[in-house]
């Protein structure tokens, strides 16, 4: 069987790779399609490190032409794709989302249906089926977490990063919008001198010119001795999830992925909103969030302002079992069955269909 993974953004890979590994072990021919960008050099290094059979394209129409030429059994996408009608002339398609966050776009990505969409858990599968009754949704779990659950050594060696292995480790993983990043003080790492800090910004915060303020702040924080700032080549969020003892984030998929591992999370409610999302326009922000946003919020301790963050981190490091019962009760609703076998279920489906 011939399967192609569409890698529009590098951060799609952590969801793809466990599945590709499983399919390769079963004798499938696997290819990856990457899109040229300002980070071509880094992506080429990742391709070499992971030993991927890769092709390059300049955009989605060029990718479509490649798919029409290759005529693979399956083409796997992480997001919506504008040329599915053409691809479906020669191949079946998959949507395998890279995150499990609370944004309403999670559901809207199925407005244009792939042949099948793999989903995390029975609750979301049922919701999808009610929204799109003529389409196919299969509950498999969340493949990105398989390596951690299966005990694979995917974390960082803190010493090699210049950090202290004897200190507890914070991961700060803000999303790009709406984000808490610009509301963190310029010298905030100094207040957390007793902690290692791994900063994993969203890919867009370091790659898109419109978020240049993000990049400037991030580079300043990286000058602190207790901080490691992710490089573009650190595309794999699982390394941060595996290594950190506690996560600080906002309404990001990282927050829910970390909580699904039953680790404590500090959720920043203070967000830098564009003027078009404030005041009388606040409905626009609410529209970006899923209807279950309020219920999901109980999975973490909430910081209404930056000044609340330090005391919450100290408290939950001292007693990480706080909110564990909530994390465990919501984990399957968010991520599906957490048994390390999501990749196997995906491979089973693709090979049998």
C-alpha atoms as a PDB file:
ATOM      1  CA  UNK A   1       0.000   0.000   0.000  1.00  0.00           C
ATOM      2  CA  UNK A   2       1.220   3.484  -0.897  1.00  0.00           C
ATOM      3  CA  UNK A   3       0.479   6.349   1.537  1.00  0.00           C
ATOM      4  CA  UNK A   4       1.501  10.019   1.320  1.00  0.00           C
ATOM      5  CA  UNK A   5       1.549  12.490   4.244  1.00  0.00           C
ATOM      6  CA  UNK A   6       0.962  16.157   3.384  1.00  0.00           C
ATOM      7  CA  UNK A   7       3.235  18.270   5.641  1.00  0.00           C
ATOM      8  CA  UNK A   8       2.016  21.826   5.066  1.00  0.00           C
ATOM      9  CA  UNK A   9       3.630  22.824   8.381  1.00  0.00           C
ATOM     10  CA  UNK A  10       6.508  21.134  10.164  1.00  0.00           C
ATOM     11  CA  UNK A  11       4.540  20.849  13.415  1.00  0.00           C
ATOM     12  CA  UNK A  12       2.245  18.304  11.744  1.00  0.00           C
ATOM     13  CA  UNK A  13       5.022  15.702  11.879  1.00  0.00           C
ATOM     14  CA  UNK A  14       4.663  14.589  15.538  1.00  0.00           C
ATOM     15  CA  UNK A  15       1.143  13.360  14.755  1.00  0.00           C
ATOM     16  CA  UNK A  16       2.234  11.709  11.513  1.00  0.00           C
ATOM     17  CA  UNK A  17       5.460   9.967  12.501  1.00  0.00           C
ATOM     18  CA  UNK A  18       4.074   7.316  14.910  1.00  0.00           C
ATOM     19  CA  UNK A  19       1.527   6.339  12.242  1.00  0.00           C
ATOM     20  CA  UNK A  20       4.120   6.320   9.456  1.00  0.00           C
ATOM     21  CA  UNK A  21       6.407   4.145  11.594  1.00  0.00           C
ATOM     22  CA  UNK A  22       3.641   1.617  12.187  1.00  0.00           C
ATOM     23  CA  UNK A  23       2.699   1.531   8.492  1.00  0.00           C
ATOM     24  CA  UNK A  24       6.334   1.121   7.445  1.00  0.00           C
ATOM     25  CA  UNK A  25       6.686  -1.866   9.779  1.00  0.00           C
ATOM     26  CA  UNK A  26       3.731  -3.412   7.980  1.00  0.00           C
ATOM     27  CA  UNK A  27       5.389  -3.059   4.576  1.00  0.00           C
ATOM     28  CA  UNK A  28       3.712   0.103   3.290  1.00  0.00           C
ATOM     29  CA  UNK A  29       5.415   2.582   0.964  1.00  0.00           C
ATOM     30  CA  UNK A  30       5.467   5.953   2.754  1.00  0.00           C
ATOM     31  CA  UNK A  31       6.203   9.413   1.313  1.00  0.00           C
ATOM     32  CA  UNK A  32       6.050  12.919   2.771  1.00  0.00           C
ATOM     33  CA  UNK A  33       5.326  16.150   0.908  1.00  0.00           C
ATOM     34  CA  UNK A  34       6.897  19.338   2.285  1.00  0.00           C
ATOM     35  CA  UNK A  35       6.205  22.925   1.258  1.00  0.00           C
ATOM     36  CA  UNK A  36       9.034  25.370   0.550  1.00  0.00           C
ATOM     37  CA  UNK A  37       9.311  28.149   3.142  1.00  0.00           C
ATOM     38  CA  UNK A  38      11.896  30.275   4.913  1.00  0.00           C
ATOM     39  CA  UNK A  39      12.789  27.205   6.985  1.00  0.00           C
ATOM     40  CA  UNK A  40      13.841  24.881   4.169  1.00  0.00           C
ATOM     41  CA  UNK A  41      17.285  24.307   5.698  1.00  0.00           C
ATOM     42  CA  UNK A  42      15.805  23.208   9.024  1.00  0.00           C
ATOM     43  CA  UNK A  43      13.225  21.006   7.335  1.00  0.00           C
ATOM     44  CA  UNK A  44      15.937  19.310   5.273  1.00  0.00           C
ATOM     45  CA  UNK A  45      17.779  18.514   8.507  1.00  0.00           C
ATOM     46  CA  UNK A  46      14.606  16.992   9.966  1.00  0.00           C
ATOM     47  CA  UNK A  47      14.081  14.940   6.799  1.00  0.00           C
ATOM     48  CA  UNK A  48      17.630  13.614   7.064  1.00  0.00           C
ATOM     49  CA  UNK A  49      17.377  12.877  10.796  1.00  0.00           C
ATOM     50  CA  UNK A  50      14.082  11.020  10.416  1.00  0.00           C
ATOM     51  CA  UNK A  51      15.188   9.366   7.139  1.00  0.00           C
ATOM     52  CA  UNK A  52      12.003  10.419   5.363  1.00  0.00           C
ATOM     53  CA  UNK A  53      11.221   9.794   1.709  1.00  0.00           C
ATOM     54  CA  UNK A  54      10.363  13.397   0.859  1.00  0.00           C
ATOM     55  CA  UNK A  55       9.125  15.548  -1.999  1.00  0.00           C
ATOM     56  CA  UNK A  56       9.012  19.358  -2.147  1.00  0.00           C
ATOM     57  CA  UNK A  57       6.280  21.598  -3.569  1.00  0.00           C
ATOM     58  CA  UNK A  58       5.709  25.353  -3.811  1.00  0.00           C
ATOM     59  CA  UNK A  59       2.037  25.351  -2.908  1.00  0.00           C
ATOM     60  CA  UNK A  60      -1.146  23.315  -2.697  1.00  0.00           C
ATOM     61  CA  UNK A  61      -1.853  23.297  -6.426  1.00  0.00           C
ATOM     62  CA  UNK A  62       1.610  21.891  -7.067  1.00  0.00           C
ATOM     63  CA  UNK A  63       0.985  19.366  -4.296  1.00  0.00           C
ATOM     64  CA  UNK A  64      -2.291  18.397  -5.962  1.00  0.00           C
ATOM     65  CA  UNK A  65      -0.527  17.843  -9.280  1.00  0.00           C
ATOM     66  CA  UNK A  66       1.921  15.562  -7.472  1.00  0.00           C
ATOM     67  CA  UNK A  67      -0.910  13.595  -5.861  1.00  0.00           C
ATOM     68  CA  UNK A  68      -2.592  13.148  -9.234  1.00  0.00           C
ATOM     69  CA  UNK A  69       0.690  11.831 -10.609  1.00  0.00           C
ATOM     70  CA  UNK A  70       1.489   9.537  -7.671  1.00  0.00           C
ATOM     71  CA  UNK A  71      -2.004   8.011  -7.355  1.00  0.00           C
ATOM     72  CA  UNK A  72      -1.367   6.780  -3.818  1.00  0.00           C
ATOM     73  CA  UNK A  73      -3.895   4.601  -2.019  1.00  0.00           C
ATOM     74  CA  UNK A  74      -4.236   7.256   0.698  1.00  0.00           C
ATOM     75  CA  UNK A  75      -3.182  10.899   1.091  1.00  0.00           C
ATOM     76  CA  UNK A  76      -3.124  12.120   4.694  1.00  0.00           C
ATOM     77  CA  UNK A  77      -3.840  15.774   5.586  1.00  0.00           C
ATOM     78  CA  UNK A  78      -3.712  17.447   8.997  1.00  0.00           C
ATOM     79  CA  UNK A  79      -6.125  20.223   8.066  1.00  0.00           C
ATOM     80  CA  UNK A  80      -8.709  21.105   5.448  1.00  0.00           C
ATOM     81  CA  UNK A  81      -7.487  21.006   1.842  1.00  0.00           C
ATOM     82  CA  UNK A  82      -8.937  23.041  -1.041  1.00  0.00           C
ATOM     83  CA  UNK A  83      -8.405  20.520  -3.860  1.00  0.00           C
ATOM     84  CA  UNK A  84      -9.933  17.351  -2.442  1.00  0.00           C
ATOM     85  CA  UNK A  85     -12.222  16.860  -5.432  1.00  0.00           C
ATOM     86  CA  UNK A  86      -9.169  16.490  -7.664  1.00  0.00           C
ATOM     87  CA  UNK A  87      -7.289  14.248  -5.252  1.00  0.00           C
ATOM     88  CA  UNK A  88     -10.330  12.013  -4.861  1.00  0.00           C
ATOM     89  CA  UNK A  89     -10.165  11.189  -8.563  1.00  0.00           C
ATOM     90  CA  UNK A  90      -7.131   8.982  -7.851  1.00  0.00           C
ATOM     91  CA  UNK A  91      -6.769   8.521  -4.075  1.00  0.00           C
ATOM     92  CA  UNK A  92      -8.692   8.215  -0.850  1.00  0.00           C
ATOM     93  CA  UNK A  93      -7.951  10.856   1.776  1.00  0.00           C
ATOM     94  CA  UNK A  94      -7.539  11.139   5.547  1.00  0.00           C
ATOM     95  CA  UNK A  95      -7.776  14.024   7.948  1.00  0.00           C
ATOM     96  CA  UNK A  96      -5.485  13.368  10.913  1.00  0.00           C
ATOM     97  CA  UNK A  97      -5.537  16.522  13.039  1.00  0.00           C
ATOM     98  CA  UNK A  98      -2.398  17.629  14.849  1.00  0.00           C
ATOM     99  CA  UNK A  99      -4.085  19.016  17.987  1.00  0.00           C
ATOM    100  CA  UNK A 100      -7.012  18.626  20.372  1.00  0.00           C
ATOM    101  CA  UNK A 101      -7.573  22.222  21.457  1.00  0.00           C
ATOM    102  CA  UNK A 102     -10.822  24.038  22.281  1.00  0.00           C
ATOM    103  CA  UNK A 103     -11.098  26.174  19.141  1.00  0.00           C
ATOM    104  CA  UNK A 104     -14.235  25.811  17.030  1.00  0.00           C
ATOM    105  CA  UNK A 105     -12.059  25.425  13.931  1.00  0.00           C
ATOM    106  CA  UNK A 106     -11.397  21.869  15.135  1.00  0.00           C
ATOM    107  CA  UNK A 107     -14.891  20.979  13.923  1.00  0.00           C
ATOM    108  CA  UNK A 108     -15.071  23.330  10.936  1.00  0.00           C
ATOM    109  CA  UNK A 109     -12.124  21.579   9.312  1.00  0.00           C
ATOM    110  CA  UNK A 110     -14.611  18.893   8.295  1.00  0.00           C
ATOM    111  CA  UNK A 111     -16.788  21.264   6.262  1.00  0.00           C
ATOM    112  CA  UNK A 112     -15.020  19.817   3.220  1.00  0.00           C
ATOM    113  CA  UNK A 113     -14.873  16.093   3.955  1.00  0.00           C
ATOM    114  CA  UNK A 114     -11.977  13.722   3.431  1.00  0.00           C
ATOM    115  CA  UNK A 115     -12.765  10.054   2.842  1.00  0.00           C
ATOM    116  CA  UNK A 116     -12.291   9.480   6.574  1.00  0.00           C
ATOM    117  CA  UNK A 117     -11.369  11.618   9.556  1.00  0.00           C
ATOM    118  CA  UNK A 118      -9.680  10.002  12.526  1.00  0.00           C
ATOM    119  CA  UNK A 119     -10.999  11.382  15.808  1.00  0.00           C
ATOM    120  CA  UNK A 120      -9.954  11.376  19.469  1.00  0.00           C
ATOM    121  CA  UNK A 121     -12.615   9.684  21.558  1.00  0.00           C
ATOM    122  CA  UNK A 122     -16.245   8.604  21.408  1.00  0.00           C
ATOM    123  CA  UNK A 123     -17.640  11.997  22.443  1.00  0.00           C
ATOM    124  CA  UNK A 124     -16.066  13.942  19.594  1.00  0.00           C
ATOM    125  CA  UNK A 125     -16.772  11.156  17.119  1.00  0.00           C
ATOM    126  CA  UNK A 126     -20.469  11.293  17.982  1.00  0.00           C
ATOM    127  CA  UNK A 127     -20.474  15.090  17.731  1.00  0.00           C
ATOM    128  CA  UNK A 128     -18.893  14.974  14.312  1.00  0.00           C
ATOM    129  CA  UNK A 129     -21.362  12.361  13.133  1.00  0.00           C
ATOM    130  CA  UNK A 130     -24.275  14.537  14.225  1.00  0.00           C
ATOM    131  CA  UNK A 131     -22.796  17.588  12.477  1.00  0.00           C
ATOM    132  CA  UNK A 132     -21.845  15.730   9.279  1.00  0.00           C
ATOM    133  CA  UNK A 133     -24.123  12.660   9.085  1.00  0.00           C
ATOM    134  CA  UNK A 134     -23.005  11.631   5.590  1.00  0.00           C
ATOM    135  CA  UNK A 135     -19.284  11.559   6.376  1.00  0.00           C
ATOM    136  CA  UNK A 136     -17.036   8.953   7.996  1.00  0.00           C
ATOM    137  CA  UNK A 137     -15.418   9.486  11.402  1.00  0.00           C
ATOM    138  CA  UNK A 138     -13.425   6.823  13.207  1.00  0.00           C
ATOM    139  CA  UNK A 139     -12.478   6.964  16.889  1.00  0.00           C
ATOM    140  CA  UNK A 140      -8.813   5.981  17.176  1.00  0.00           C
ATOM    141  CA  UNK A 141      -7.319   8.145  19.956  1.00  0.00           C
ATOM    142  CA  UNK A 142      -4.459  10.627  19.685  1.00  0.00           C
ATOM    143  CA  UNK A 143      -1.412   9.194  17.933  1.00  0.00           C
ATOM    144  CA  UNK A 144       0.957  12.006  18.942  1.00  0.00           C
ATOM    145  CA  UNK A 145       0.964  10.778  22.547  1.00  0.00           C
ATOM    146  CA  UNK A 146       1.720   7.145  21.689  1.00  0.00           C
ATOM    147  CA  UNK A 147       5.526   7.467  22.078  1.00  0.00           C
ATOM    148  CA  UNK A 148       5.189   8.971  25.586  1.00  0.00           C
ATOM    149  CA  UNK A 149       2.591   6.458  26.736  1.00  0.00           C
ATOM    150  CA  UNK A 150       4.692   3.595  25.388  1.00  0.00           C
ATOM    151  CA  UNK A 151       7.711   4.756  27.377  1.00  0.00           C
ATOM    152  CA  UNK A 152       9.869   5.722  24.428  1.00  0.00           C
ATOM    153  CA  UNK A 153      12.744   8.029  25.321  1.00  0.00           C
ATOM    154  CA  UNK A 154      11.442  11.174  23.635  1.00  0.00           C
ATOM    155  CA  UNK A 155      12.311  13.798  26.275  1.00  0.00           C
ATOM    156  CA  UNK A 156      15.233  16.221  26.583  1.00  0.00           C
ATOM    157  CA  UNK A 157      18.523  15.706  28.385  1.00  0.00           C
ATOM    158  CA  UNK A 158      18.285  18.846  30.515  1.00  0.00           C
ATOM    159  CA  UNK A 159      22.012  18.941  31.188  1.00  0.00           C
ATOM    160  CA  UNK A 160      22.789  19.072  27.479  1.00  0.00           C
ATOM    161  CA  UNK A 161      20.543  22.146  27.236  1.00  0.00           C
ATOM    162  CA  UNK A 162      22.543  23.903  29.951  1.00  0.00           C
ATOM    163  CA  UNK A 163      19.768  23.438  32.504  1.00  0.00           C
ATOM    164  CA  UNK A 164      19.823  21.924  35.997  1.00  0.00           C
ATOM    165  CA  UNK A 165      18.361  18.382  36.128  1.00  0.00           C
ATOM    166  CA  UNK A 166      17.767  18.824  39.874  1.00  0.00           C
ATOM    167  CA  UNK A 167      15.288  21.662  39.383  1.00  0.00           C
ATOM    168  CA  UNK A 168      11.607  21.160  38.523  1.00  0.00           C
ATOM    169  CA  UNK A 169      10.901  22.008  34.914  1.00  0.00           C
ATOM    170  CA  UNK A 170       8.234  24.316  33.510  1.00  0.00           C
ATOM    171  CA  UNK A 171       7.137  24.228  29.895  1.00  0.00           C
ATOM    172  CA  UNK A 172       5.615  27.473  28.639  1.00  0.00           C
ATOM    173  CA  UNK A 173       3.753  26.783  25.392  1.00  0.00           C
ATOM    174  CA  UNK A 174       1.608  29.731  24.308  1.00  0.00           C
ATOM    175  CA  UNK A 175      -0.396  29.608  21.121  1.00  0.00           C
ATOM    176  CA  UNK A 176      -0.018  32.358  18.509  1.00  0.00           C
ATOM    177  CA  UNK A 177      -3.491  33.912  18.834  1.00  0.00           C
ATOM    178  CA  UNK A 178      -5.147  34.718  21.111  1.00  0.00           C
ATOM    179  CA  UNK A 179      -1.993  34.482  23.215  1.00  0.00           C
ATOM    180  CA  UNK A 180      -0.727  35.316  26.678  1.00  0.00           C
ATOM    181  CA  UNK A 181       2.807  35.756  25.371  1.00  0.00           C
ATOM    182  CA  UNK A 182       2.875  39.555  25.072  1.00  0.00           C
ATOM    183  CA  UNK A 183       1.452  39.942  28.589  1.00  0.00           C
ATOM    184  CA  UNK A 184       4.327  38.095  30.264  1.00  0.00           C
ATOM    185  CA  UNK A 185       6.857  40.585  31.710  1.00  0.00           C
ATOM    186  CA  UNK A 186      10.150  41.120  29.947  1.00  0.00           C
ATOM    187  CA  UNK A 187      12.131  39.645  32.842  1.00  0.00           C
ATOM    188  CA  UNK A 188       9.708  36.990  34.077  1.00  0.00           C
ATOM    189  CA  UNK A 189      12.236  34.086  33.988  1.00  0.00           C
ATOM    190  CA  UNK A 190      14.166  35.800  36.803  1.00  0.00           C
ATOM    191  CA  UNK A 191      11.151  35.278  39.094  1.00  0.00           C
ATOM    192  CA  UNK A 192      11.364  31.538  38.371  1.00  0.00           C
ATOM    193  CA  UNK A 193      15.070  31.090  39.128  1.00  0.00           C
ATOM    194  CA  UNK A 194      14.320  27.858  41.025  1.00  0.00           C
ATOM    195  CA  UNK A 195      12.891  26.285  37.875  1.00  0.00           C
ATOM    196  CA  UNK A 196      14.085  25.253  34.450  1.00  0.00           C
ATOM    197  CA  UNK A 197      11.918  26.865  31.774  1.00  0.00           C
ATOM    198  CA  UNK A 198      11.374  25.253  28.387  1.00  0.00           C
ATOM    199  CA  UNK A 199       9.667  27.738  26.068  1.00  0.00           C
ATOM    200  CA  UNK A 200       7.842  26.167  23.129  1.00  0.00           C
ATOM    201  CA  UNK A 201       6.097  28.908  21.154  1.00  0.00           C
ATOM    202  CA  UNK A 202       3.730  28.174  18.326  1.00  0.00           C
ATOM    203  CA  UNK A 203       5.478  27.787  14.968  1.00  0.00           C
ATOM    204  CA  UNK A 204       3.718  30.911  13.685  1.00  0.00           C
ATOM    205  CA  UNK A 205       5.192  33.051  16.493  1.00  0.00           C
ATOM    206  CA  UNK A 206       8.684  32.520  15.098  1.00  0.00           C
ATOM    207  CA  UNK A 207       7.904  32.168  11.399  1.00  0.00           C
ATOM    208  CA  UNK A 208       5.310  34.796  10.471  1.00  0.00           C
ATOM    209  CA  UNK A 209       6.293  38.507  10.229  1.00  0.00           C
ATOM    210  CA  UNK A 210       2.990  39.640  11.775  1.00  0.00           C
ATOM    211  CA  UNK A 211       4.142  38.098  15.080  1.00  0.00           C
ATOM    212  CA  UNK A 212       7.532  39.845  15.153  1.00  0.00           C
ATOM    213  CA  UNK A 213       6.799  41.151  18.685  1.00  0.00           C
ATOM    214  CA  UNK A 214       6.529  37.546  19.831  1.00  0.00           C
ATOM    215  CA  UNK A 215       9.887  36.662  18.348  1.00  0.00           C
ATOM    216  CA  UNK A 216      11.611  39.663  19.950  1.00  0.00           C
ATOM    217  CA  UNK A 217      10.309  38.751  23.422  1.00  0.00           C
ATOM    218  CA  UNK A 218      11.169  35.099  22.994  1.00  0.00           C
ATOM    219  CA  UNK A 219      14.735  35.862  22.002  1.00  0.00           C
ATOM    220  CA  UNK A 220      15.115  38.105  25.057  1.00  0.00           C
ATOM    221  CA  UNK A 221      13.807  35.400  27.407  1.00  0.00           C
ATOM    222  CA  UNK A 222      16.289  32.954  25.882  1.00  0.00           C
ATOM    223  CA  UNK A 223      19.144  35.015  27.360  1.00  0.00           C
ATOM    224  CA  UNK A 224      18.249  33.864  30.891  1.00  0.00           C
ATOM    225  CA  UNK A 225      20.371  31.004  32.263  1.00  0.00           C
ATOM    226  CA  UNK A 226      17.350  28.948  33.318  1.00  0.00           C
ATOM    227  CA  UNK A 227      15.601  29.145  29.922  1.00  0.00           C
ATOM    228  CA  UNK A 228      15.758  26.962  26.837  1.00  0.00           C
ATOM    229  CA  UNK A 229      13.926  28.427  23.849  1.00  0.00           C
ATOM    230  CA  UNK A 230      12.806  25.902  21.273  1.00  0.00           C
ATOM    231  CA  UNK A 231      14.499  26.118  17.907  1.00  0.00           C
ATOM    232  CA  UNK A 232      12.517  25.725  14.705  1.00  0.00           C
ATOM    233  CA  UNK A 233      14.021  22.236  14.521  1.00  0.00           C
ATOM    234  CA  UNK A 234      12.360  21.449  17.876  1.00  0.00           C
ATOM    235  CA  UNK A 235       9.141  20.809  16.003  1.00  0.00           C
ATOM    236  CA  UNK A 236       8.160  17.891  18.219  1.00  0.00           C
ATOM    237  CA  UNK A 237       5.987  19.040  21.103  1.00  0.00           C
ATOM    238  CA  UNK A 238       6.151  15.594  22.685  1.00  0.00           C
ATOM    239  CA  UNK A 239       9.736  16.264  23.839  1.00  0.00           C
ATOM    240  CA  UNK A 240       8.461  19.179  25.918  1.00  0.00           C
ATOM    241  CA  UNK A 241       5.408  17.285  27.165  1.00  0.00           C
ATOM    242  CA  UNK A 242       7.562  14.359  28.244  1.00  0.00           C
ATOM    243  CA  UNK A 243      10.237  16.438  30.017  1.00  0.00           C
ATOM    244  CA  UNK A 244       8.246  19.109  31.876  1.00  0.00           C
ATOM    245  CA  UNK A 245       6.720  18.712  35.329  1.00  0.00           C
ATOM    246  CA  UNK A 246       4.158  21.468  34.792  1.00  0.00           C
ATOM    247  CA  UNK A 247       2.831  23.427  31.826  1.00  0.00           C
ATOM    248  CA  UNK A 248       1.898  27.087  31.505  1.00  0.00           C
ATOM    249  CA  UNK A 249      -0.232  27.803  28.465  1.00  0.00           C
ATOM    250  CA  UNK A 250      -3.377  29.454  27.180  1.00  0.00           C
ATOM    251  CA  UNK A 251      -6.136  28.077  24.968  1.00  0.00           C
ATOM    252  CA  UNK A 252      -3.750  25.816  23.079  1.00  0.00           C
ATOM    253  CA  UNK A 253      -3.791  22.174  22.113  1.00  0.00           C
ATOM    254  CA  UNK A 254      -0.586  21.734  24.143  1.00  0.00           C
ATOM    255  CA  UNK A 255      -2.530  22.473  27.318  1.00  0.00           C
ATOM    256  CA  UNK A 256      -4.951  19.604  26.744  1.00  0.00           C
ATOM    257  CA  UNK A 257      -2.277  17.197  25.544  1.00  0.00           C
ATOM    258  CA  UNK A 258      -0.276  17.816  28.725  1.00  0.00           C
ATOM    259  CA  UNK A 259      -3.348  17.455  30.940  1.00  0.00           C
ATOM    260  CA  UNK A 260      -4.202  14.178  29.187  1.00  0.00           C
ATOM    261  CA  UNK A 261      -0.893  12.854  30.555  1.00  0.00           C
ATOM    262  CA  UNK A 262      -2.219  13.736  34.035  1.00  0.00           C
ATOM    263  CA  UNK A 263       0.313  16.488  34.643  1.00  0.00           C
ATOM    264  CA  UNK A 264      -0.631  19.859  36.179  1.00  0.00           C
ATOM    265  CA  UNK A 265      -1.430  22.809  33.955  1.00  0.00           C
ATOM    266  CA  UNK A 266      -1.667  26.550  34.596  1.00  0.00           C
ATOM    267  CA  UNK A 267      -4.107  28.131  32.147  1.00  0.00           C
ATOM    268  CA  UNK A 268      -3.506  31.825  31.442  1.00  0.00           C
ATOM    269  CA  UNK A 269      -6.821  33.627  31.108  1.00  0.00           C
ATOM    270  CA  UNK A 270      -5.069  36.920  30.335  1.00  0.00           C
ATOM    271  CA  UNK A 271      -4.761  37.211  26.558  1.00  0.00           C
ATOM    272  CA  UNK A 272      -3.587  39.878  24.166  1.00  0.00           C
ATOM    273  CA  UNK A 273      -6.610  40.462  21.968  1.00  0.00           C
ATOM    274  CA  UNK A 274      -6.682  42.548  18.811  1.00  0.00           C
ATOM    275  CA  UNK A 275      -9.035  45.518  19.049  1.00  0.00           C
ATOM    276  CA  UNK A 276     -11.482  43.725  16.772  1.00  0.00           C
ATOM    277  CA  UNK A 277     -11.941  41.049  19.446  1.00  0.00           C
ATOM    278  CA  UNK A 278     -12.558  43.347  22.413  1.00  0.00           C
ATOM    279  CA  UNK A 279     -15.585  45.085  23.896  1.00  0.00           C
ATOM    280  CA  UNK A 280     -18.599  44.937  21.601  1.00  0.00           C
ATOM    281  CA  UNK A 281     -16.582  42.642  19.321  1.00  0.00           C
ATOM    282  CA  UNK A 282     -15.862  40.059  22.041  1.00  0.00           C
ATOM    283  CA  UNK A 283     -18.342  37.730  20.350  1.00  0.00           C
ATOM    284  CA  UNK A 284     -15.652  37.143  17.709  1.00  0.00           C
ATOM    285  CA  UNK A 285     -13.360  35.623  20.314  1.00  0.00           C
ATOM    286  CA  UNK A 286     -16.168  33.460  21.699  1.00  0.00           C
ATOM    287  CA  UNK A 287     -16.931  32.292  18.172  1.00  0.00           C
ATOM    288  CA  UNK A 288     -13.336  31.036  17.850  1.00  0.00           C
ATOM    289  CA  UNK A 289     -13.866  28.731  20.821  1.00  0.00           C
ATOM    290  CA  UNK A 290     -15.706  25.427  20.961  1.00  0.00           C
ATOM    291  CA  UNK A 291     -19.046  25.131  22.790  1.00  0.00           C
ATOM    292  CA  UNK A 292     -17.354  22.869  25.361  1.00  0.00           C
ATOM    293  CA  UNK A 293     -14.757  25.543  26.182  1.00  0.00           C
ATOM    294  CA  UNK A 294     -16.294  26.161  29.617  1.00  0.00           C
ATOM    295  CA  UNK A 295     -16.232  22.510  30.635  1.00  0.00           C
ATOM    296  CA  UNK A 296     -12.684  21.995  29.375  1.00  0.00           C
ATOM    297  CA  UNK A 297     -11.579  24.963  31.475  1.00  0.00           C
ATOM    298  CA  UNK A 298     -11.920  22.951  34.685  1.00  0.00           C
ATOM    299  CA  UNK A 299      -8.975  20.769  33.684  1.00  0.00           C
ATOM    300  CA  UNK A 300      -6.441  23.403  34.801  1.00  0.00           C
ATOM    301  CA  UNK A 301      -5.696  25.982  37.468  1.00  0.00           C
ATOM    302  CA  UNK A 302      -6.483  29.439  36.108  1.00  0.00           C
ATOM    303  CA  UNK A 303      -4.345  32.561  36.293  1.00  0.00           C
ATOM    304  CA  UNK A 304      -6.549  35.615  35.816  1.00  0.00           C
ATOM    305  CA  UNK A 305      -3.466  37.856  35.671  1.00  0.00           C
ATOM    306  CA  UNK A 306       0.242  37.258  35.257  1.00  0.00           C
ATOM    307  CA  UNK A 307       0.759  38.005  38.942  1.00  0.00           C
ATOM    308  CA  UNK A 308      -1.158  34.796  39.775  1.00  0.00           C
ATOM    309  CA  UNK A 309       1.139  32.501  37.807  1.00  0.00           C
ATOM    310  CA  UNK A 310       4.040  32.084  40.265  1.00  0.00           C
ATOM    311  CA  UNK A 311       1.944  31.087  43.280  1.00  0.00           C
ATOM    312  CA  UNK A 312      -0.053  28.618  41.178  1.00  0.00           C
ATOM    313  CA  UNK A 313       3.082  27.015  39.781  1.00  0.00           C
ATOM    314  CA  UNK A 314       4.591  26.694  43.268  1.00  0.00           C
ATOM    315  CA  UNK A 315       1.381  25.186  44.627  1.00  0.00           C
ATOM    316  CA  UNK A 316       0.941  22.598  41.879  1.00  0.00           C
ATOM    317  CA  UNK A 317       4.596  21.587  41.847  1.00  0.00           C
ATOM    318  CA  UNK A 318       4.347  20.978  45.596  1.00  0.00           C
ATOM    319  CA  UNK A 319       1.080  19.065  45.168  1.00  0.00           C
ATOM    320  CA  UNK A 320       0.699  17.816  41.576  1.00  0.00           C
ATOM    321  CA  UNK A 321      -2.313  15.674  42.504  1.00  0.00           C
ATOM    322  CA  UNK A 322      -4.483  18.786  42.662  1.00  0.00           C
ATOM    323  CA  UNK A 323      -7.099  18.530  39.874  1.00  0.00           C
ATOM    324  CA  UNK A 324      -5.856  15.044  38.947  1.00  0.00           C
ATOM    325  CA  UNK A 325      -9.400  13.696  39.236  1.00  0.00           C
ATOM    326  CA  UNK A 326     -10.631  16.318  36.751  1.00  0.00           C
ATOM    327  CA  UNK A 327      -7.773  15.668  34.342  1.00  0.00           C
ATOM    328  CA  UNK A 328      -8.469  11.944  34.417  1.00  0.00           C
ATOM    329  CA  UNK A 329     -12.213  12.388  34.005  1.00  0.00           C
ATOM    330  CA  UNK A 330     -11.811  14.619  30.943  1.00  0.00           C
ATOM    331  CA  UNK A 331      -8.814  12.926  29.334  1.00  0.00           C
ATOM    332  CA  UNK A 332     -10.791  10.435  27.266  1.00  0.00           C
ATOM    333  CA  UNK A 333     -13.247  13.107  26.154  1.00  0.00           C
ATOM    334  CA  UNK A 334     -10.307  15.203  24.953  1.00  0.00           C
ATOM    335  CA  UNK A 335      -7.864  12.638  23.614  1.00  0.00           C
ATOM    336  CA  UNK A 336      -9.711   9.332  23.426  1.00  0.00           C
ATOM    337  CA  UNK A 337      -8.314   6.045  24.668  1.00  0.00           C
ATOM    338  CA  UNK A 338      -4.820   6.631  26.062  1.00  0.00           C
ATOM    339  CA  UNK A 339      -3.348   3.143  25.654  1.00  0.00           C
ATOM    340  CA  UNK A 340      -0.485   3.928  23.266  1.00  0.00           C
ATOM    341  CA  UNK A 341      -2.223   2.122  20.400  1.00  0.00           C
ATOM    342  CA  UNK A 342      -3.811   4.945  18.399  1.00  0.00           C
ATOM    343  CA  UNK A 343      -1.230   4.503  15.613  1.00  0.00           C
ATOM    344  CA  UNK A 344      -2.025   0.792  15.437  1.00  0.00           C
ATOM    345  CA  UNK A 345      -5.746   1.483  15.076  1.00  0.00           C
ATOM    346  CA  UNK A 346      -5.095   4.002  12.307  1.00  0.00           C
ATOM    347  CA  UNK A 347      -2.868   1.546  10.450  1.00  0.00           C
ATOM    348  CA  UNK A 348      -5.451  -1.222  10.860  1.00  0.00           C
ATOM    349  CA  UNK A 349      -8.149   0.961   9.286  1.00  0.00           C
ATOM    350  CA  UNK A 350      -6.044   2.158   6.359  1.00  0.00           C
ATOM    351  CA  UNK A 351      -4.850  -1.330   5.502  1.00  0.00           C
ATOM    352  CA  UNK A 352      -8.327  -2.834   5.712  1.00  0.00           C
ATOM    353  CA  UNK A 353      -9.951  -0.139   3.567  1.00  0.00           C
END
